[in-house]
Amino acid sequence: MNLTIPDEILQAGQLSAADIKRELAMLFLQKKALNVEQATQLADMQPVKFEQK
């Protein structure tokens, strides 16, 4: 699935695509919708760096 977020929205929130992916991964992990491995994949980060965030 692809999700399109208009550039204006990203600019208004001063967020990058990587920021959005990381925030979604953390949210889904908190809600227990994803496990740590899945959240790490969504965030496109190394597990150690993801856990540090």
C-alpha atoms as a PDB file:
ATOM      1  CA  MET A   1       0.000   0.000   0.000  1.00  0.00           C
ATOM      2  CA  ASN A   2       1.192   3.488  -0.738  1.00  0.00           C
ATOM      3  CA  LEU A   3       0.279   6.505   1.314  1.00  0.00           C
ATOM      4  CA  THR A   4       0.603   9.962  -0.170  1.00  0.00           C
ATOM      5  CA  ILE A   5       1.048  12.920   2.133  1.00  0.00           C
ATOM      6  CA  PRO A   6       1.068  16.285   0.382  1.00  0.00           C
ATOM      7  CA  ASP A   7       4.328  18.199   0.604  1.00  0.00           C
ATOM      8  CA  GLU A   8       2.453  21.147   2.101  1.00  0.00           C
ATOM      9  CA  ILE A   9       1.447  19.004   5.086  1.00  0.00           C
ATOM     10  CA  LEU A  10       4.999  17.769   5.617  1.00  0.00           C
ATOM     11  CA  GLN A  11       6.341  21.300   5.360  1.00  0.00           C
ATOM     12  CA  ALA A  12       3.713  22.674   7.742  1.00  0.00           C
ATOM     13  CA  GLY A  13       4.668  20.068  10.318  1.00  0.00           C
ATOM     14  CA  GLN A  14       8.358  20.420   9.526  1.00  0.00           C
ATOM     15  CA  LEU A  15       8.502  16.650   8.997  1.00  0.00           C
ATOM     16  CA  SER A  16      10.312  14.454   6.532  1.00  0.00           C
ATOM     17  CA  ALA A  17       9.029  11.173   5.119  1.00  0.00           C
ATOM     18  CA  ALA A  18      11.470   9.374   7.438  1.00  0.00           C
ATOM     19  CA  ASP A  19      10.021  11.275  10.430  1.00  0.00           C
ATOM     20  CA  ILE A  20       6.494  10.194   9.495  1.00  0.00           C
ATOM     21  CA  LYS A  21       7.515   6.545   9.110  1.00  0.00           C
ATOM     22  CA  ARG A  22       9.278   6.588  12.485  1.00  0.00           C
ATOM     23  CA  GLU A  23       6.328   8.254  14.233  1.00  0.00           C
ATOM     24  CA  LEU A  24       3.854   5.771  12.735  1.00  0.00           C
ATOM     25  CA  ALA A  25       6.061   2.846  13.727  1.00  0.00           C
ATOM     26  CA  MET A  26       6.246   4.091  17.331  1.00  0.00           C
ATOM     27  CA  LEU A  27       2.497   4.701  17.452  1.00  0.00           C
ATOM     28  CA  PHE A  28       1.684   1.222  16.124  1.00  0.00           C
ATOM     29  CA  LEU A  29       4.149  -0.300  18.580  1.00  0.00           C
ATOM     30  CA  GLN A  30       2.539   1.549  21.510  1.00  0.00           C
ATOM     31  CA  LYS A  31      -0.895   0.360  20.394  1.00  0.00           C
ATOM     32  CA  LYS A  32       0.498  -3.174  20.078  1.00  0.00           C
ATOM     33  CA  ALA A  33      -0.580  -3.250  16.441  1.00  0.00           C
ATOM     34  CA  LEU A  34       3.019  -4.134  15.484  1.00  0.00           C
ATOM     35  CA  ASN A  35       5.775  -5.982  17.266  1.00  0.00           C
ATOM     36  CA  VAL A  36       9.259  -4.485  17.613  1.00  0.00           C
ATOM     37  CA  GLU A  37      10.583  -6.219  14.489  1.00  0.00           C
ATOM     38  CA  GLN A  38       7.665  -5.002  12.361  1.00  0.00           C
ATOM     39  CA  ALA A  39       7.921  -1.463  13.736  1.00  0.00           C
ATOM     40  CA  THR A  40      11.636  -1.432  12.999  1.00  0.00           C
ATOM     41  CA  GLN A  41      10.939  -2.468   9.419  1.00  0.00           C
ATOM     42  CA  LEU A  42       8.275   0.221   9.031  1.00  0.00           C
ATOM     43  CA  ALA A  43      10.623   2.854  10.429  1.00  0.00           C
ATOM     44  CA  ASP A  44      13.349   1.594   8.069  1.00  0.00           C
ATOM     45  CA  MET A  45      15.846   1.738  10.915  1.00  0.00           C
ATOM     46  CA  GLN A  46      18.328  -0.584  12.552  1.00  0.00           C
ATOM     47  CA  PRO A  47      16.767  -2.179  15.672  1.00  0.00           C
ATOM     48  CA  VAL A  48      19.254  -0.571  18.059  1.00  0.00           C
ATOM     49  CA  LYS A  49      18.675   2.919  16.645  1.00  0.00           C
ATOM     50  CA  PHE A  50      14.906   2.431  16.658  1.00  0.00           C
ATOM     51  CA  GLU A  51      14.910   1.350  20.302  1.00  0.00           C
ATOM     52  CA  GLN A  52      17.037   4.389  21.206  1.00  0.00           C
ATOM     53  CA  LYS A  53      14.331   6.676  19.813  1.00  0.00           C
END
